[in-house]
Amino acid sequence: MPNIVSAKTARALPRRSFLAGGFAAAAVLLALPMSASAADTVLLNASYDVTRELFKDINPAFIAEWKKSTGETLTINQSHGGSSKQARSVADGLEASVVTMNQANDIDLLADRGLVAADWAKKFPNGAAPFYSTMVYLVRKGNPKQIKGWDDLGKPGVKVIIPNPKTSGNGRYSYLAAWGAVVKKGGTEAQARDLVGRIFKNVPILDAGGRAATTTFTQRQIGDVLITFENEVQLVRTEFGDNFEVVYPANSILAESPVAVVDKVVDRRNIRKQATAYLNFLYSDAGQEIAAKHFLRPRSAAVAKKYAASFKPITLFTVDDVFGGWKAAQKKHFDDGGEFDKIYQSK
């Protein structure tokens, strides 16, 4: 079962380290009391591993705005885990009102099951992705292995921390970023496969999700470099200061964060209006500013300009550009017997 916690309960907890408290055990149900009253309307947001801090701020802001505009009291519960693991949990019966994932492929899975609309990406602006990120590197102070680009990750003696691409969108983006970087430089598929193979030979442990991988690198002190979302590495820098450094490769992948209403659930519970408003709030000035403060790149031009100093310019390519879209990438690289399985089994 995924980790579920009430927004009200989360607000009552101390603002301790975002890595403290065993977040690596993201797949275990958190036995915290739900504080919703019988009169409250309850939403459940099934989200990916590294958005815990984001929604601790988004949820109370939306709850307050909704209360002010409608008079209705909302409770928003959160479920976190690896993005693909979360999608499977919803497909298997987790009663999520909305999903906020880190790749379109996971929502497509739910569309294929009839849980969300087939045209979910047209229901909200920007392909239903209110903000985005990219994959960068976190290294130890001084960057002792002098890691600067994707090629460096495949060198002998470099220990690379990446979560499992079979269970984590974070892991899939890392894999595709390395592969795509070779192709965008004019390299062949064989050269891309060779680099990704050498990188995964350097991976000492495959955690299930991005937050667990962060814990492995920062708390367990395993590895020379962590590949993860830009927003995650910036949170680590904020928490641990000078113990780590962020390295930006010359190019990387556009990592969008798509969202969708889970139609089957909201219609049965008569909460479509609330769920839709919740996702629309992510596009509002208030929602975009909260996202930017958590180092997620906003869609709003005004908010992006205001927080420009937080986001280093980087050349980004998309999954569509290099791989022909998420469905094609999934089939070729991550389905059973695909490129990743071949690469990892030969490790």
Protein backbone atom coordinates (compact mmCIF):
# COMPACT_ATOMS: atom_id res chain seq x y z
CA MET A 1 0.00 0.00 0.00
CA PRO A 2 1.20 3.55 -0.66
CA ASN A 3 1.89 6.08 2.05
CA ILE A 4 -1.26 8.12 2.84
CA VAL A 5 -1.49 11.12 5.12
CA SER A 6 -4.12 13.78 5.74
CA ALA A 7 -3.32 17.37 4.78
CA LYS A 8 -4.60 18.49 8.18
CA THR A 9 -2.45 15.93 9.95
CA ALA A 10 0.57 16.98 7.88
CA ARG A 11 0.11 20.61 8.88
CA ALA A 12 0.06 19.61 12.54
CA LEU A 13 3.37 17.77 12.33
CA PRO A 14 6.65 19.59 13.04
CA ARG A 15 8.45 20.94 9.99
CA ARG A 16 11.30 18.47 10.39
CA SER A 17 13.85 17.53 7.77
CA PHE A 18 12.18 16.53 4.52
CA LEU A 19 14.36 13.42 4.51
CA ALA A 20 13.76 12.44 8.12
CA GLY A 21 11.24 9.93 9.32
CA GLY A 22 11.97 6.97 7.08
CA PHE A 23 10.56 8.28 3.79
CA ALA A 24 12.45 5.49 2.08
CA ALA A 25 9.64 3.20 3.21
CA ALA A 26 7.26 4.93 0.83
CA ALA A 27 5.31 1.77 0.09
CA VAL A 28 4.16 1.31 3.70
CA LEU A 29 0.81 2.68 4.85
CA LEU A 30 1.41 5.45 7.37
CA ALA A 31 -0.71 4.80 10.46
CA LEU A 32 -1.63 8.40 11.20
CA PRO A 33 -5.15 9.40 12.23
CA MET A 34 -7.27 11.08 9.61
CA SER A 35 -8.74 14.26 11.03
CA ALA A 36 -11.58 14.85 8.59
CA SER A 37 -14.94 15.33 10.24
CA ALA A 38 -18.03 13.58 8.95
CA ALA A 39 -19.11 16.86 7.32
CA ASP A 40 -15.86 17.38 5.41
CA THR A 41 -15.50 16.67 1.72
CA VAL A 42 -12.40 14.50 1.28
CA LEU A 43 -10.09 14.36 -1.73
CA LEU A 44 -7.19 11.94 -2.16
CA ASN A 45 -4.25 13.01 -4.31
CA ALA A 46 -2.09 10.09 -5.47
CA SER A 47 1.26 11.63 -6.31
CA TYR A 48 4.87 10.69 -6.85
CA ASP A 49 7.67 10.44 -4.35
CA VAL A 50 9.31 13.85 -4.36
CA THR A 51 6.21 16.08 -4.19
CA ARG A 52 5.62 15.65 -0.46
CA GLU A 53 6.84 19.12 0.46
CA LEU A 54 5.07 20.74 -2.50
CA PHE A 55 1.63 19.48 -1.55
CA LYS A 56 2.15 20.23 2.13
CA ASP A 57 2.01 23.86 0.95
CA ILE A 58 -0.41 23.52 -1.99
CA ASN A 59 -3.14 21.72 -0.05
CA PRO A 60 -3.73 24.19 2.81
CA ALA A 61 -3.59 27.10 0.34
CA PHE A 62 -6.29 25.53 -1.83
CA ILE A 63 -8.37 24.47 1.18
CA ALA A 64 -8.37 28.06 2.47
CA GLU A 65 -9.27 29.50 -0.93
CA TRP A 66 -12.06 26.96 -1.46
CA LYS A 67 -13.48 27.64 2.00
CA LYS A 68 -13.44 31.38 1.34
CA SER A 69 -15.14 31.12 -2.06
CA THR A 70 -17.66 28.33 -1.35
CA GLY A 71 -17.95 27.97 2.43
CA GLU A 72 -17.22 24.24 2.08
CA THR A 73 -14.67 22.52 4.30
CA LEU A 74 -12.26 20.23 2.46
CA THR A 75 -9.78 17.66 3.65
CA ILE A 76 -7.07 16.60 1.21
CA ASN A 77 -5.20 13.37 1.87
CA GLN A 78 -1.94 12.50 0.14
CA SER A 79 -0.55 9.22 -1.14
CA HIS A 80 3.10 9.11 -2.23
CA GLY A 81 5.38 6.54 -3.84
CA GLY A 82 7.18 5.83 -7.10
CA SER A 83 5.10 7.32 -9.93
CA SER A 84 4.47 4.06 -11.78
CA LYS A 85 3.85 2.22 -8.52
CA GLN A 86 1.25 4.84 -7.66
CA ALA A 87 -0.44 4.45 -11.03
CA ARG A 88 -0.69 0.71 -10.50
CA SER A 89 -2.13 1.26 -7.01
CA VAL A 90 -4.88 3.46 -8.46
CA ALA A 91 -5.48 0.92 -11.23
CA ASP A 92 -5.76 -1.78 -8.56
CA GLY A 93 -8.31 0.12 -6.51
CA LEU A 94 -6.71 2.99 -4.56
CA GLU A 95 -9.59 5.51 -4.36
CA ALA A 96 -7.69 8.57 -5.60
CA SER A 97 -9.75 11.60 -6.61
CA VAL A 98 -6.87 13.02 -8.65
CA VAL A 99 -3.45 11.85 -9.78
CA THR A 100 -0.44 14.16 -10.02
CA MET A 101 2.31 12.13 -11.66
CA ASN A 102 5.70 12.77 -13.20
CA GLN A 103 5.09 11.24 -16.61
CA ALA A 104 2.21 10.91 -19.04
CA ASN A 105 2.72 7.17 -19.37
CA ASP A 106 1.40 6.56 -15.85
CA ILE A 107 -1.82 8.46 -16.55
CA ASP A 108 -2.19 6.71 -19.90
CA LEU A 109 -2.23 3.44 -17.94
CA LEU A 110 -5.25 4.72 -16.02
CA ALA A 111 -6.91 5.90 -19.23
CA ASP A 112 -6.45 2.43 -20.68
CA ARG A 113 -8.25 1.05 -17.60
CA GLY A 114 -11.13 3.49 -18.08
CA LEU A 115 -10.42 5.34 -14.83
CA VAL A 116 -9.52 8.69 -16.41
CA ALA A 117 -10.64 10.25 -19.68
CA ALA A 118 -8.92 9.08 -22.85
CA ASP A 119 -8.30 12.75 -23.71
CA TRP A 120 -7.09 13.64 -20.19
CA ALA A 121 -4.18 15.67 -21.58
CA LYS A 122 -6.67 18.11 -23.15
CA LYS A 123 -8.62 18.73 -19.94
CA PHE A 124 -6.13 21.26 -18.54
CA PRO A 125 -3.62 23.68 -20.13
CA ASN A 126 -0.12 22.73 -21.31
CA GLY A 127 -1.00 19.12 -21.94
CA ALA A 128 -2.37 18.90 -18.37
CA ALA A 129 1.13 19.54 -16.96
CA PRO A 130 1.05 22.66 -14.72
CA PHE A 131 4.81 22.69 -14.11
CA TYR A 132 7.92 20.82 -15.15
CA SER A 133 11.45 19.95 -14.15
CA THR A 134 14.52 18.22 -15.60
CA MET A 135 17.14 15.71 -14.56
CA VAL A 136 20.38 17.01 -13.05
CA TYR A 137 23.12 15.65 -10.79
CA LEU A 138 23.77 15.96 -7.09
CA VAL A 139 27.40 15.33 -6.15
CA ARG A 140 29.34 15.51 -2.92
CA LYS A 141 31.11 18.69 -1.93
CA GLY A 142 34.03 19.45 -4.20
CA ASN A 143 32.74 17.05 -6.87
CA PRO A 144 35.62 14.63 -6.20
CA LYS A 145 34.90 12.50 -9.31
CA GLN A 146 34.69 15.65 -11.49
CA ILE A 147 31.33 14.70 -12.93
CA LYS A 148 30.20 17.18 -15.58
CA GLY A 149 28.14 15.30 -18.16
CA TRP A 150 26.38 12.08 -19.06
CA ASP A 151 29.55 10.41 -20.34
CA ASP A 152 31.17 10.81 -16.93
CA LEU A 153 28.47 8.66 -15.33
CA GLY A 154 29.61 5.65 -17.33
CA LYS A 155 33.26 5.85 -16.33
CA PRO A 156 34.78 3.05 -14.22
CA GLY A 157 34.73 3.70 -10.50
CA VAL A 158 31.80 6.15 -10.50
CA LYS A 159 28.90 4.97 -8.33
CA VAL A 160 25.59 6.31 -9.66
CA ILE A 161 22.34 6.39 -7.67
CA ILE A 162 19.21 6.08 -9.84
CA PRO A 163 15.84 4.63 -8.78
CA ASN A 164 14.42 1.63 -10.61
CA PRO A 165 13.02 2.60 -14.04
CA LYS A 166 10.49 -0.23 -13.75
CA THR A 167 8.79 1.37 -10.72
CA SER A 168 9.83 5.03 -10.79
CA GLY A 169 9.23 7.84 -13.26
CA ASN A 170 12.37 9.41 -11.82
CA GLY A 171 14.33 6.35 -12.91
CA ARG A 172 12.76 6.34 -16.36
CA TYR A 173 13.54 10.01 -16.93
CA SER A 174 17.15 9.43 -15.83
CA TYR A 175 17.52 6.51 -18.24
CA LEU A 176 15.94 8.42 -21.15
CA ALA A 177 17.94 11.57 -20.40
CA ALA A 178 21.21 9.66 -20.71
CA TRP A 179 20.08 7.84 -23.86
CA GLY A 180 18.67 11.00 -25.44
CA ALA A 181 21.78 13.05 -24.67
CA VAL A 182 23.79 10.71 -26.91
CA VAL A 183 21.24 10.84 -29.72
CA LYS A 184 20.93 14.66 -29.56
CA LYS A 185 24.71 14.94 -30.01
CA GLY A 186 24.44 12.90 -33.21
CA GLY A 187 25.24 9.53 -31.67
CA THR A 188 23.73 6.24 -32.78
CA GLU A 189 21.29 4.03 -30.95
CA ALA A 190 24.14 1.57 -30.35
CA GLN A 191 26.23 4.32 -28.76
CA ALA A 192 23.30 5.38 -26.58
CA ARG A 193 22.73 1.79 -25.48
CA ASP A 194 26.43 1.43 -24.66
CA LEU A 195 26.46 4.53 -22.45
CA VAL A 196 23.26 3.60 -20.60
CA GLY A 197 24.63 0.09 -20.10
CA ARG A 198 27.85 1.45 -18.59
CA ILE A 199 25.89 3.81 -16.33
CA PHE A 200 23.71 1.02 -14.94
CA LYS A 201 26.74 -1.15 -14.35
CA ASN A 202 27.76 1.66 -11.99
CA VAL A 203 24.45 1.58 -10.06
CA PRO A 204 25.01 -0.25 -6.73
CA ILE A 205 21.35 -0.33 -5.65
CA LEU A 206 17.99 0.25 -7.36
CA ASP A 207 15.55 1.93 -4.98
CA ALA A 208 11.84 1.80 -5.82
CA GLY A 209 11.34 5.58 -5.94
CA GLY A 210 13.08 8.94 -6.13
CA ARG A 211 12.86 9.86 -2.45
CA ALA A 212 14.30 6.51 -1.42
CA ALA A 213 17.19 7.10 -3.82
CA THR A 214 17.78 10.52 -2.27
CA THR A 215 17.89 8.92 1.18
CA THR A 216 20.38 6.30 -0.09
CA PHE A 217 22.69 9.04 -1.37
CA THR A 218 22.37 11.62 1.40
CA GLN A 219 21.77 9.60 4.56
CA ARG A 220 23.24 6.20 3.78
CA GLN A 221 26.19 7.90 2.07
CA ILE A 222 26.15 5.50 -0.88
CA GLY A 223 27.28 6.67 -4.30
CA ASP A 224 29.24 9.49 -5.93
CA VAL A 225 26.33 11.07 -7.80
CA LEU A 226 22.54 11.09 -7.57
CA ILE A 227 20.53 11.66 -10.75
CA THR A 228 17.18 13.17 -9.88
CA PHE A 229 14.76 15.99 -10.56
CA GLU A 230 16.04 19.54 -10.37
CA ASN A 231 13.53 20.37 -7.64
CA GLU A 232 14.71 17.43 -5.51
CA VAL A 233 18.40 18.37 -5.68
CA GLN A 234 17.59 21.96 -4.77
CA LEU A 235 15.63 20.80 -1.73
CA VAL A 236 18.65 18.74 -0.66
CA ARG A 237 20.89 21.79 -1.06
CA THR A 238 18.47 23.84 1.03
CA GLU A 239 18.44 21.17 3.74
CA PHE A 240 22.12 20.25 3.82
CA GLY A 241 23.84 23.38 2.52
CA ASP A 242 27.44 22.97 1.49
CA ASN A 243 27.61 19.18 1.86
CA PHE A 244 26.50 18.76 -1.76
CA GLU A 245 26.76 20.51 -5.11
CA VAL A 246 24.39 20.59 -8.08
CA VAL A 247 25.80 19.87 -11.55
CA TYR A 248 23.88 20.71 -14.72
CA PRO A 249 24.70 18.66 -17.82
CA ALA A 250 24.83 20.49 -21.16
CA ASN A 251 21.46 19.03 -22.09
CA SER A 252 18.77 17.01 -20.38
CA ILE A 253 15.20 15.88 -20.71
CA LEU A 254 12.02 17.87 -20.20
CA ALA A 255 10.30 16.24 -17.23
CA GLU A 256 6.67 17.30 -17.15
CA SER A 257 4.31 16.72 -14.21
CA PRO A 258 0.90 15.76 -15.68
CA VAL A 259 -2.32 15.71 -13.70
CA ALA A 260 -5.77 14.18 -14.14
CA VAL A 261 -9.10 13.75 -12.43
CA VAL A 262 -9.98 10.11 -11.70
CA ASP A 263 -13.41 10.13 -13.27
CA LYS A 264 -14.69 6.86 -11.84
CA VAL A 265 -14.01 8.01 -8.28
CA VAL A 266 -15.13 11.64 -8.44
CA ASP A 267 -18.40 10.83 -10.18
CA ARG A 268 -19.24 8.05 -7.72
CA ARG A 269 -18.49 10.37 -4.79
CA ASN A 270 -19.97 13.49 -6.40
CA ILE A 271 -16.75 15.48 -5.96
CA ARG A 272 -15.86 16.32 -9.58
CA LYS A 273 -16.28 20.06 -8.98
CA GLN A 274 -13.86 20.06 -6.05
CA ALA A 275 -11.31 17.79 -7.74
CA THR A 276 -11.30 19.87 -10.92
CA ALA A 277 -10.92 23.11 -8.96
CA TYR A 278 -8.01 21.58 -7.05
CA LEU A 279 -6.10 20.82 -10.24
CA ASN A 280 -6.98 24.21 -11.72
CA PHE A 281 -5.48 25.81 -8.60
CA LEU A 282 -2.09 24.44 -9.67
CA TYR A 283 -2.27 26.82 -12.67
CA SER A 284 -3.30 29.85 -10.63
CA ASP A 285 -0.81 32.56 -9.66
CA ALA A 286 -0.82 31.24 -6.09
CA GLY A 287 -0.28 27.65 -7.18
CA GLN A 288 2.43 28.57 -9.67
CA GLU A 289 4.28 30.60 -7.06
CA ILE A 290 4.21 27.73 -4.57
CA ALA A 291 5.56 25.41 -7.28
CA ALA A 292 8.37 27.85 -8.09
CA LYS A 293 9.30 28.14 -4.40
CA HIS A 294 9.70 24.35 -4.45
CA PHE A 295 12.00 24.63 -7.49
CA LEU A 296 9.49 23.33 -10.03
CA ARG A 297 9.59 25.36 -13.24
CA PRO A 298 6.28 27.24 -13.58
CA ARG A 299 4.21 27.67 -16.75
CA SER A 300 3.24 31.23 -15.85
CA ALA A 301 5.57 33.67 -17.63
CA ALA A 302 5.18 36.21 -14.85
CA VAL A 303 6.04 33.73 -12.11
CA ALA A 304 8.89 32.28 -14.18
CA LYS A 305 10.36 35.77 -14.58
CA LYS A 306 10.02 36.47 -10.86
CA TYR A 307 11.91 33.26 -9.98
CA ALA A 308 14.33 33.27 -12.92
CA ALA A 309 17.36 33.23 -10.60
CA SER A 310 16.24 29.84 -9.24
CA PHE A 311 16.38 28.11 -12.61
CA LYS A 312 19.61 27.80 -14.55
CA PRO A 313 19.14 27.85 -18.35
CA ILE A 314 19.56 24.37 -19.83
CA THR A 315 18.91 22.85 -23.25
CA LEU A 316 15.99 20.44 -22.96
CA PHE A 317 14.73 17.74 -25.30
CA THR A 318 11.42 15.93 -25.01
CA VAL A 319 10.36 12.31 -24.97
CA ASP A 320 8.46 13.01 -28.20
CA ASP A 321 11.60 14.46 -29.85
CA VAL A 322 13.85 11.47 -29.27
CA PHE A 323 11.61 8.51 -28.49
CA GLY A 324 8.38 9.14 -30.38
CA GLY A 325 6.31 9.66 -27.22
CA TRP A 326 5.84 7.86 -23.92
CA LYS A 327 3.98 4.85 -25.28
CA ALA A 328 6.75 4.10 -27.76
CA ALA A 329 9.43 4.68 -25.10
CA GLN A 330 7.65 2.41 -22.65
CA LYS A 331 7.26 -0.41 -25.16
CA LYS A 332 10.85 -0.29 -26.40
CA HIS A 333 12.69 0.44 -23.18
CA PHE A 334 10.68 -0.48 -20.08
CA ASP A 335 8.18 -3.22 -20.89
CA ASP A 336 9.23 -6.71 -19.81
CA GLY A 337 11.98 -7.89 -22.12
CA GLY A 338 12.72 -4.34 -23.31
CA GLU A 339 16.03 -2.50 -23.53
CA PHE A 340 16.28 -1.83 -19.80
CA ASP A 341 15.80 -5.49 -18.90
CA LYS A 342 18.43 -6.51 -21.44
CA ILE A 343 20.86 -3.90 -20.13
CA TYR A 344 20.33 -4.66 -16.46
CA GLN A 345 20.36 -8.43 -16.81
CA SER A 346 23.77 -8.22 -18.47
CA LYS A 347 25.14 -6.07 -15.64
